Structures are given as C-alpha cells and as structure tokens.
Full PDB file with SEQRES, HELIX, SHEET, SSBOND, CRYST1, ORIGX, SCALE, CONECT and MASTER records, all heavy atoms in Angstrom:
SEQRES   1 A   37  SER THR PRO ASP THR LYS ALA ALA ALA ARG ARG PRO GLN          
SEQRES   2 A   37  GLY VAL ASN VAL ASP GLY VAL VAL ALA THR ALA THR VAL          
SEQRES   3 A   37  SER GLY ILE ASP VAL SER GLY HIS GLN GLY ASN                  
HELIX    1 AA1 PRO A    3  ALA A    9  1                                   7    
HELIX    2 AA2 GLY A   33  GLN A   35  5                                   3    
CRYST1    1.000    1.000    1.000  90.00  90.00  90.00 P 1           1          
ORIGX1      1.000000  0.000000  0.000000        0.00000                         
ORIGX2      0.000000  1.000000  0.000000        0.00000                         
ORIGX3      0.000000  0.000000  1.000000        0.00000                         
SCALE1      1.000000  0.000000  0.000000        0.00000                         
SCALE2      0.000000  1.000000  0.000000        0.00000                         
SCALE3      0.000000  0.000000  1.000000        0.00000                         
ATOM      1  N   SER A   1       0.823  -1.210   0.000  1.00  0.00           N  
ATOM      2  CA  SER A   1       0.000   0.000   0.000  1.00  0.00           C  
ATOM      3  C   SER A   1       0.857   1.260   0.000  1.00  0.00           C  
ATOM      4  O   SER A   1       1.950   1.303   0.573  1.00  0.00           O  
ATOM      5  CB  SER A   1      -0.937   0.010   1.206  1.00  0.00           C  
ATOM      6  OG  SER A   1      -0.201   0.024   2.423  1.00  0.00           O  
ATOM      7  N   THR A   2       0.353   2.297  -0.670  1.00  0.00           N  
ATOM      8  CA  THR A   2       0.981   3.606  -0.756  1.00  0.00           C  
ATOM      9  C   THR A   2      -0.107   4.647  -0.558  1.00  0.00           C  
ATOM     10  O   THR A   2      -1.299   4.316  -0.530  1.00  0.00           O  
ATOM     11  CB  THR A   2       1.615   3.806  -2.143  1.00  0.00           C  
ATOM     12  OG1 THR A   2       0.553   3.858  -3.126  1.00  0.00           O  
ATOM     13  CG2 THR A   2       2.583   2.682  -2.491  1.00  0.00           C  
ATOM     14  N   PRO A   3       0.252   5.919  -0.419  1.00  0.00           N  
ATOM     15  CA  PRO A   3      -0.803   6.942  -0.336  1.00  0.00           C  
ATOM     16  C   PRO A   3      -1.790   6.874  -1.499  1.00  0.00           C  
ATOM     17  O   PRO A   3      -2.995   7.065  -1.311  1.00  0.00           O  
ATOM     18  CB  PRO A   3      -0.002   8.247  -0.339  1.00  0.00           C  
ATOM     19  CG  PRO A   3       1.294   7.880   0.326  1.00  0.00           C  
ATOM     20  CD  PRO A   3       1.586   6.504  -0.163  1.00  0.00           C  
ATOM     21  N   ASP A   4      -1.305   6.567  -2.681  1.00  0.00           N  
ATOM     22  CA  ASP A   4      -2.199   6.487  -3.840  1.00  0.00           C  
ATOM     23  C   ASP A   4      -3.125   5.281  -3.757  1.00  0.00           C  
ATOM     24  O   ASP A   4      -4.320   5.374  -4.075  1.00  0.00           O  
ATOM     25  CB  ASP A   4      -1.385   6.421  -5.133  1.00  0.00           C  
ATOM     26  CG  ASP A   4      -0.737   7.751  -5.493  1.00  0.00           C  
ATOM     27  OD1 ASP A   4      -1.187   8.791  -4.955  1.00  0.00           O  
ATOM     28  OD2 ASP A   4       0.215   7.751  -6.294  1.00  0.00           O  
ATOM     29  N   THR A   5      -2.599   4.125  -3.353  1.00  0.00           N  
ATOM     30  CA  THR A   5      -3.456   2.939  -3.271  1.00  0.00           C  
ATOM     31  C   THR A   5      -4.489   3.094  -2.155  1.00  0.00           C  
ATOM     32  O   THR A   5      -5.621   2.621  -2.274  1.00  0.00           O  
ATOM     33  CB  THR A   5      -2.644   1.660  -3.033  1.00  0.00           C  
ATOM     34  OG1 THR A   5      -2.031   1.690  -1.736  1.00  0.00           O  
ATOM     35  CG2 THR A   5      -1.575   1.490  -4.098  1.00  0.00           C  
ATOM     36  N   LYS A   6      -4.093   3.761  -1.075  1.00  0.00           N  
ATOM     37  CA  LYS A   6      -5.042   3.986   0.025  1.00  0.00           C  
ATOM     38  C   LYS A   6      -6.188   4.886  -0.425  1.00  0.00           C  
ATOM     39  O   LYS A   6      -7.354   4.642  -0.095  1.00  0.00           O  
ATOM     40  CB  LYS A   6      -4.312   4.595   1.222  1.00  0.00           C  
ATOM     41  CG  LYS A   6      -3.303   3.672   1.883  1.00  0.00           C  
ATOM     42  CD  LYS A   6      -2.523   4.398   2.968  1.00  0.00           C  
ATOM     43  CE  LYS A   6      -1.397   3.545   3.520  1.00  0.00           C  
ATOM     44  NZ  LYS A   6      -0.612   4.259   4.560  1.00  0.00           N  
ATOM     45  N   ALA A   7      -5.869   5.910  -1.173  1.00  0.00           N  
ATOM     46  CA  ALA A   7      -6.914   6.805  -1.686  1.00  0.00           C  
ATOM     47  C   ALA A   7      -7.848   6.051  -2.623  1.00  0.00           C  
ATOM     48  O   ALA A   7      -9.073   6.231  -2.586  1.00  0.00           O  
ATOM     49  CB  ALA A   7      -6.280   7.993  -2.401  1.00  0.00           C  
ATOM     50  N   ALA A   8      -7.277   5.191  -3.470  1.00  0.00           N  
ATOM     51  CA  ALA A   8      -8.098   4.407  -4.392  1.00  0.00           C  
ATOM     52  C   ALA A   8      -9.000   3.438  -3.640  1.00  0.00           C  
ATOM     53  O   ALA A   8     -10.160   3.217  -4.022  1.00  0.00           O  
ATOM     54  CB  ALA A   8      -7.197   3.649  -5.367  1.00  0.00           C  
ATOM     55  N   ALA A   9      -8.488   2.852  -2.572  1.00  0.00           N  
ATOM     56  CA  ALA A   9      -9.260   1.872  -1.810  1.00  0.00           C  
ATOM     57  C   ALA A   9     -10.479   2.488  -1.130  1.00  0.00           C  
ATOM     58  O   ALA A   9     -11.478   1.803  -0.903  1.00  0.00           O  
ATOM     59  CB  ALA A   9      -8.362   1.218  -0.764  1.00  0.00           C  
ATOM     60  N   ARG A  10     -10.378   3.751  -0.801  1.00  0.00           N  
ATOM     61  CA  ARG A  10     -11.500   4.414  -0.135  1.00  0.00           C  
ATOM     62  C   ARG A  10     -12.618   4.795  -1.101  1.00  0.00           C  
ATOM     63  O   ARG A  10     -13.710   5.173  -0.671  1.00  0.00           O  
ATOM     64  CB  ARG A  10     -11.004   5.643   0.629  1.00  0.00           C  
ATOM     65  CG  ARG A  10     -10.180   5.290   1.874  1.00  0.00           C  
ATOM     66  CD  ARG A  10      -9.890   6.511   2.721  1.00  0.00           C  
ATOM     67  NE  ARG A  10      -8.907   7.386   2.111  1.00  0.00           N  
ATOM     68  CZ  ARG A  10      -7.593   7.303   2.310  1.00  0.00           C  
ATOM     69  NH1 ARG A  10      -7.100   6.367   3.102  1.00  0.00           N  
ATOM     70  NH2 ARG A  10      -6.763   8.153   1.727  1.00  0.00           N  
ATOM     71  N   ARG A  11     -12.348   4.672  -2.409  1.00  0.00           N  
ATOM     72  CA  ARG A  11     -13.386   4.935  -3.404  1.00  0.00           C  
ATOM     73  C   ARG A  11     -14.168   3.658  -3.684  1.00  0.00           C  
ATOM     74  O   ARG A  11     -13.622   2.558  -3.573  1.00  0.00           O  
ATOM     75  CB  ARG A  11     -12.762   5.485  -4.688  1.00  0.00           C  
ATOM     76  CG  ARG A  11     -12.096   6.840  -4.524  1.00  0.00           C  
ATOM     77  CD  ARG A  11     -11.749   7.459  -5.871  1.00  0.00           C  
ATOM     78  NE  ARG A  11     -10.674   6.759  -6.557  1.00  0.00           N  
ATOM     79  CZ  ARG A  11      -9.383   7.070  -6.456  1.00  0.00           C  
ATOM     80  NH1 ARG A  11      -8.997   8.073  -5.669  1.00  0.00           N  
ATOM     81  NH2 ARG A  11      -8.470   6.394  -7.126  1.00  0.00           N  
ATOM     82  N   PRO A  12     -15.445   3.763  -4.046  1.00  0.00           N  
ATOM     83  CA  PRO A  12     -16.249   2.563  -4.331  1.00  0.00           C  
ATOM     84  C   PRO A  12     -15.639   1.726  -5.449  1.00  0.00           C  
ATOM     85  O   PRO A  12     -15.106   2.257  -6.419  1.00  0.00           O  
ATOM     86  CB  PRO A  12     -17.601   3.148  -4.752  1.00  0.00           C  
ATOM     87  CG  PRO A  12     -17.644   4.507  -4.133  1.00  0.00           C  
ATOM     88  CD  PRO A  12     -16.230   5.008  -4.159  1.00  0.00           C  
ATOM     89  N   GLN A  13     -15.708   0.409  -5.273  1.00  0.00           N  
ATOM     90  CA  GLN A  13     -15.184  -0.510  -6.281  1.00  0.00           C  
ATOM     91  C   GLN A  13     -16.167  -1.659  -6.478  1.00  0.00           C  
ATOM     92  O   GLN A  13     -16.565  -2.313  -5.518  1.00  0.00           O  
ATOM     93  CB  GLN A  13     -13.831  -1.085  -5.862  1.00  0.00           C  
ATOM     94  CG  GLN A  13     -12.710  -0.073  -5.802  1.00  0.00           C  
ATOM     95  CD  GLN A  13     -11.342  -0.749  -5.703  1.00  0.00           C  
ATOM     96  OE1 GLN A  13     -11.183  -1.920  -5.997  1.00  0.00           O  
ATOM     97  NE2 GLN A  13     -10.335   0.025  -5.300  1.00  0.00           N  
ATOM     98  N   GLY A  14     -16.545  -1.909  -7.699  1.00  0.00           N  
ATOM     99  CA  GLY A  14     -17.325  -3.089  -8.025  1.00  0.00           C  
ATOM    100  C   GLY A  14     -18.719  -3.111  -7.416  1.00  0.00           C  
ATOM    101  O   GLY A  14     -19.357  -2.073  -7.224  1.00  0.00           O  
ATOM    102  N   VAL A  15     -19.163  -4.323  -7.077  1.00  0.00           N  
ATOM    103  CA  VAL A  15     -20.503  -4.553  -6.536  1.00  0.00           C  
ATOM    104  C   VAL A  15     -20.467  -4.426  -5.023  1.00  0.00           C  
ATOM    105  O   VAL A  15     -19.543  -4.897  -4.364  1.00  0.00           O  
ATOM    106  CB  VAL A  15     -21.003  -5.953  -6.949  1.00  0.00           C  
ATOM    107  CG1 VAL A  15     -22.356  -6.251  -6.318  1.00  0.00           C  
ATOM    108  CG2 VAL A  15     -21.087  -6.050  -8.464  1.00  0.00           C  
ATOM    109  N   ASN A  16     -21.508  -3.791  -4.463  1.00  0.00           N  
ATOM    110  CA  ASN A  16     -21.529  -3.619  -3.016  1.00  0.00           C  
ATOM    111  C   ASN A  16     -22.378  -4.679  -2.333  1.00  0.00           C  
ATOM    112  O   ASN A  16     -22.812  -5.651  -2.959  1.00  0.00           O  
ATOM    113  CB  ASN A  16     -21.983  -2.199  -2.652  1.00  0.00           C  
ATOM    114  CG  ASN A  16     -23.474  -1.961  -2.940  1.00  0.00           C  
ATOM    115  OD1 ASN A  16     -24.224  -2.891  -3.253  1.00  0.00           O  
ATOM    116  ND2 ASN A  16     -23.894  -0.717  -2.845  1.00  0.00           N  
ATOM    117  N   VAL A  17     -22.628  -4.506  -1.030  1.00  0.00           N  
ATOM    118  CA  VAL A  17     -23.330  -5.512  -0.238  1.00  0.00           C  
ATOM    119  C   VAL A  17     -24.782  -5.683  -0.651  1.00  0.00           C  
ATOM    120  O   VAL A  17     -25.423  -6.663  -0.264  1.00  0.00           O  
ATOM    121  CB  VAL A  17     -23.248  -5.174   1.268  1.00  0.00           C  
ATOM    122  CG1 VAL A  17     -21.817  -5.262   1.753  1.00  0.00           C  
ATOM    123  CG2 VAL A  17     -23.831  -3.796   1.549  1.00  0.00           C  
ATOM    124  N   ASP A  18     -25.329  -4.760  -1.429  1.00  0.00           N  
ATOM    125  CA  ASP A  18     -26.697  -4.887  -1.927  1.00  0.00           C  
ATOM    126  C   ASP A  18     -26.750  -5.511  -3.314  1.00  0.00           C  
ATOM    127  O   ASP A  18     -27.818  -5.627  -3.919  1.00  0.00           O  
ATOM    128  CB  ASP A  18     -27.367  -3.506  -1.967  1.00  0.00           C  
ATOM    129  CG  ASP A  18     -27.574  -2.940  -0.570  1.00  0.00           C  
ATOM    130  OD1 ASP A  18     -28.015  -3.706   0.306  1.00  0.00           O  
ATOM    131  OD2 ASP A  18     -27.278  -1.757  -0.349  1.00  0.00           O  
ATOM    132  N   GLY A  19     -25.584  -5.907  -3.836  1.00  0.00           N  
ATOM    133  CA  GLY A  19     -25.544  -6.543  -5.133  1.00  0.00           C  
ATOM    134  C   GLY A  19     -25.655  -5.598  -6.301  1.00  0.00           C  
ATOM    135  O   GLY A  19     -25.933  -6.015  -7.434  1.00  0.00           O  
ATOM    136  N   VAL A  20     -25.443  -4.319  -6.062  1.00  0.00           N  
ATOM    137  CA  VAL A  20     -25.465  -3.322  -7.130  1.00  0.00           C  
ATOM    138  C   VAL A  20     -24.115  -2.617  -7.167  1.00  0.00           C  
ATOM    139  O   VAL A  20     -23.299  -2.758  -6.249  1.00  0.00           O  
ATOM    140  CB  VAL A  20     -26.601  -2.296  -6.924  1.00  0.00           C  
ATOM    141  CG1 VAL A  20     -27.957  -2.990  -6.936  1.00  0.00           C  
ATOM    142  CG2 VAL A  20     -26.413  -1.528  -5.609  1.00  0.00           C  
ATOM    143  N   VAL A  21     -23.887  -1.840  -8.211  1.00  0.00           N  
ATOM    144  CA  VAL A  21     -22.616  -1.130  -8.326  1.00  0.00           C  
ATOM    145  C   VAL A  21     -22.440  -0.182  -7.145  1.00  0.00           C  
ATOM    146  O   VAL A  21     -23.345   0.607  -6.817  1.00  0.00           O  
ATOM    147  CB  VAL A  21     -22.547  -0.364  -9.655  1.00  0.00           C  
ATOM    148  CG1 VAL A  21     -21.266   0.467  -9.720  1.00  0.00           C  
ATOM    149  CG2 VAL A  21     -22.598  -1.328 -10.838  1.00  0.00           C  
ATOM    150  N   ALA A  22     -21.300  -0.274  -6.491  1.00  0.00           N  
ATOM    151  CA  ALA A  22     -21.046   0.526  -5.294  1.00  0.00           C  
ATOM    152  C   ALA A  22     -20.970   2.009  -5.623  1.00  0.00           C  
ATOM    153  O   ALA A  22     -20.392   2.407  -6.637  1.00  0.00           O  
ATOM    154  CB  ALA A  22     -19.735   0.076  -4.645  1.00  0.00           C  
ATOM    155  N   THR A  23     -21.563   2.827  -4.763  1.00  0.00           N  
ATOM    156  CA  THR A  23     -21.499   4.280  -4.922  1.00  0.00           C  
ATOM    157  C   THR A  23     -20.970   4.979  -3.678  1.00  0.00           C  
ATOM    158  O   THR A  23     -20.791   6.197  -3.686  1.00  0.00           O  
ATOM    159  CB  THR A  23     -22.887   4.857  -5.257  1.00  0.00           C  
ATOM    160  OG1 THR A  23     -23.799   4.533  -4.195  1.00  0.00           O  
ATOM    161  CG2 THR A  23     -23.413   4.296  -6.565  1.00  0.00           C  
ATOM    162  N   ALA A  24     -20.727   4.216  -2.599  1.00  0.00           N  
ATOM    163  CA  ALA A  24     -20.264   4.832  -1.354  1.00  0.00           C  
ATOM    164  C   ALA A  24     -19.481   3.810  -0.546  1.00  0.00           C  
ATOM    165  O   ALA A  24     -19.635   2.597  -0.722  1.00  0.00           O  
ATOM    166  CB  ALA A  24     -21.448   5.356  -0.539  1.00  0.00           C  
ATOM    167  N   THR A  25     -18.620   4.308   0.345  1.00  0.00           N  
ATOM    168  CA  THR A  25     -17.898   3.470   1.289  1.00  0.00           C  
ATOM    169  C   THR A  25     -17.887   4.168   2.644  1.00  0.00           C  
ATOM    170  O   THR A  25     -18.196   5.352   2.758  1.00  0.00           O  
ATOM    171  CB  THR A  25     -16.440   3.228   0.848  1.00  0.00           C  
ATOM    172  OG1 THR A  25     -15.738   4.480   0.831  1.00  0.00           O  
ATOM    173  CG2 THR A  25     -16.371   2.578  -0.524  1.00  0.00           C  
ATOM    174  N   VAL A  26     -17.506   3.411   3.676  1.00  0.00           N  
ATOM    175  CA  VAL A  26     -17.362   3.955   5.025  1.00  0.00           C  
ATOM    176  C   VAL A  26     -15.980   3.565   5.534  1.00  0.00           C  
ATOM    177  O   VAL A  26     -15.577   2.398   5.432  1.00  0.00           O  
ATOM    178  CB  VAL A  26     -18.443   3.419   5.979  1.00  0.00           C  
ATOM    179  CG1 VAL A  26     -18.299   4.053   7.356  1.00  0.00           C  
ATOM    180  CG2 VAL A  26     -19.847   3.667   5.420  1.00  0.00           C  
ATOM    181  N   SER A  27     -15.253   4.518   6.099  1.00  0.00           N  
ATOM    182  CA  SER A  27     -13.888   4.261   6.566  1.00  0.00           C  
ATOM    183  C   SER A  27     -13.870   3.710   7.992  1.00  0.00           C  
ATOM    184  O   SER A  27     -14.646   4.147   8.852  1.00  0.00           O  
ATOM    185  CB  SER A  27     -13.062   5.554   6.525  1.00  0.00           C  
ATOM    186  OG  SER A  27     -12.855   5.979   5.200  1.00  0.00           O  
ATOM    187  N   GLY A  28     -12.955   2.753   8.225  1.00  0.00           N  
ATOM    188  CA  GLY A  28     -12.798   2.177   9.555  1.00  0.00           C  
ATOM    189  C   GLY A  28     -11.370   1.756   9.817  1.00  0.00           C  
ATOM    190  O   GLY A  28     -10.499   1.832   8.939  1.00  0.00           O  
ATOM    191  N   ILE A  29     -11.122   1.298  11.026  1.00  0.00           N  
ATOM    192  CA  ILE A  29      -9.826   0.746  11.413  1.00  0.00           C  
ATOM    193  C   ILE A  29     -10.055  -0.495  12.258  1.00  0.00           C  
ATOM    194  O   ILE A  29     -11.164  -0.728  12.755  1.00  0.00           O  
ATOM    195  CB  ILE A  29      -8.950   1.750  12.199  1.00  0.00           C  
ATOM    196  CG1 ILE A  29      -9.633   2.161  13.507  1.00  0.00           C  
ATOM    197  CG2 ILE A  29      -8.619   2.974  11.362  1.00  0.00           C  
ATOM    198  CD1 ILE A  29      -8.745   2.989  14.432  1.00  0.00           C  
ATOM    199  N   ASP A  30      -9.020  -1.298  12.424  1.00  0.00           N  
ATOM    200  CA  ASP A  30      -9.053  -2.375  13.415  1.00  0.00           C  
ATOM    201  C   ASP A  30      -7.817  -2.286  14.288  1.00  0.00           C  
ATOM    202  O   ASP A  30      -6.752  -1.867  13.835  1.00  0.00           O  
ATOM    203  CB  ASP A  30      -9.186  -3.749  12.751  1.00  0.00           C  
ATOM    204  CG  ASP A  30      -8.027  -4.095  11.822  1.00  0.00           C  
ATOM    205  OD1 ASP A  30      -7.026  -4.659  12.312  1.00  0.00           O  
ATOM    206  OD2 ASP A  30      -8.124  -3.811  10.614  1.00  0.00           O  
ATOM    207  N   VAL A  31      -7.984  -2.646  15.560  1.00  0.00           N  
ATOM    208  CA  VAL A  31      -6.911  -2.509  16.544  1.00  0.00           C  
ATOM    209  C   VAL A  31      -6.830  -3.770  17.406  1.00  0.00           C  
ATOM    210  O   VAL A  31      -7.774  -4.563  17.462  1.00  0.00           O  
ATOM    211  CB  VAL A  31      -7.126  -1.268  17.448  1.00  0.00           C  
ATOM    212  CG1 VAL A  31      -7.100   0.012  16.641  1.00  0.00           C  
ATOM    213  CG2 VAL A  31      -8.431  -1.383  18.232  1.00  0.00           C  
ATOM    214  N   SER A  32      -5.705  -3.907  18.081  1.00  0.00           N  
ATOM    215  CA  SER A  32      -5.489  -5.019  19.009  1.00  0.00           C  
ATOM    216  C   SER A  32      -4.752  -4.482  20.225  1.00  0.00           C  
ATOM    217  O   SER A  32      -4.599  -3.272  20.396  1.00  0.00           O  
ATOM    218  CB  SER A  32      -4.678  -6.121  18.330  1.00  0.00           C  
ATOM    219  OG  SER A  32      -3.328  -5.714  18.157  1.00  0.00           O  
ATOM    220  N   GLY A  33      -4.250  -5.383  21.042  1.00  0.00           N  
ATOM    221  CA  GLY A  33      -3.505  -4.961  22.220  1.00  0.00           C  
ATOM    222  C   GLY A  33      -2.262  -4.166  21.886  1.00  0.00           C  
ATOM    223  O   GLY A  33      -1.771  -3.387  22.712  1.00  0.00           O  
ATOM    224  N   HIS A  34      -1.747  -4.306  20.675  1.00  0.00           N  
ATOM    225  CA  HIS A  34      -0.533  -3.589  20.281  1.00  0.00           C  
ATOM    226  C   HIS A  34      -0.758  -2.072  20.214  1.00  0.00           C  
ATOM    227  O   HIS A  34       0.209  -1.310  20.308  1.00  0.00           O  
ATOM    228  CB  HIS A  34      -0.038  -4.095  18.923  1.00  0.00           C  
ATOM    229  CG  HIS A  34       0.492  -5.489  18.967  1.00  0.00           C  
ATOM    230  ND1 HIS A  34       1.753  -5.800  19.445  1.00  0.00           N  
ATOM    231  CD2 HIS A  34      -0.078  -6.673  18.625  1.00  0.00           C  
ATOM    232  CE1 HIS A  34       1.939  -7.105  19.374  1.00  0.00           C  
ATOM    233  NE2 HIS A  34       0.855  -7.656  18.881  1.00  0.00           N  
ATOM    234  N   GLN A  35      -1.990  -1.641  20.064  1.00  0.00           N  
ATOM    235  CA  GLN A  35      -2.260  -0.196  20.005  1.00  0.00           C  
ATOM    236  C   GLN A  35      -2.475   0.409  21.392  1.00  0.00           C  
ATOM    237  O   GLN A  35      -2.525   1.634  21.524  1.00  0.00           O  
ATOM    238  CB  GLN A  35      -3.498   0.083  19.136  1.00  0.00           C  
ATOM    239  CG  GLN A  35      -3.211   0.097  17.640  1.00  0.00           C  
ATOM    240  CD  GLN A  35      -2.860  -1.271  17.109  1.00  0.00           C  
ATOM    241  OE1 GLN A  35      -3.574  -2.242  17.326  1.00  0.00           O  
ATOM    242  NE2 GLN A  35      -1.743  -1.361  16.385  1.00  0.00           N  
ATOM    243  N   GLY A  36      -2.602  -0.408  22.418  1.00  0.00           N  
ATOM    244  CA  GLY A  36      -2.798   0.119  23.766  1.00  0.00           C  
ATOM    245  C   GLY A  36      -4.066   0.941  23.862  1.00  0.00           C  
ATOM    246  O   GLY A  36      -5.073   0.670  23.196  1.00  0.00           O  
ATOM    247  N   ASN A  37      -4.047   1.950  24.706  1.00  0.00           N  
ATOM    248  CA  ASN A  37      -5.194   2.845  24.835  1.00  0.00           C  
ATOM    249  C   ASN A  37      -5.261   3.755  23.611  1.00  0.00           C  
ATOM    250  O   ASN A  37      -4.314   4.466  23.307  1.00  0.00           O  
ATOM    251  CB  ASN A  37      -5.085   3.681  26.111  1.00  0.00           C  
ATOM    252  CG  ASN A  37      -5.244   2.840  27.362  1.00  0.00           C  
ATOM    253  OD1 ASN A  37      -6.041   1.911  27.401  1.00  0.00           O  
ATOM    254  ND2 ASN A  37      -4.473   3.156  28.402  1.00  0.00           N  
TER     255      ASN A  37                                                      
MASTER        0    0    0    2    0    0    0    6  254    1    0    3          
END                                                                             
C-alpha cells in the first residue's frame, strides 16, 4: 500500500453488499492490544 493505493481503496469498487454497483464506502480501522489505549 501507498498513499495512492489507500486513496483508491477508499473509493467505491465493483458490486456492493446490496448486489449493485457501489457508490459509497465507510472508513474504519481495526486494533489489538498492540495499540494500547
């Protein structure tokens, strides 16, 4: 991943969870004990 690939990933790609062409995304993260508080 690079800044460019990250920007591309945040844009809609392909078919979404409703089975139609994606028009939106929602940003998230995942964490574990390594991130602490």
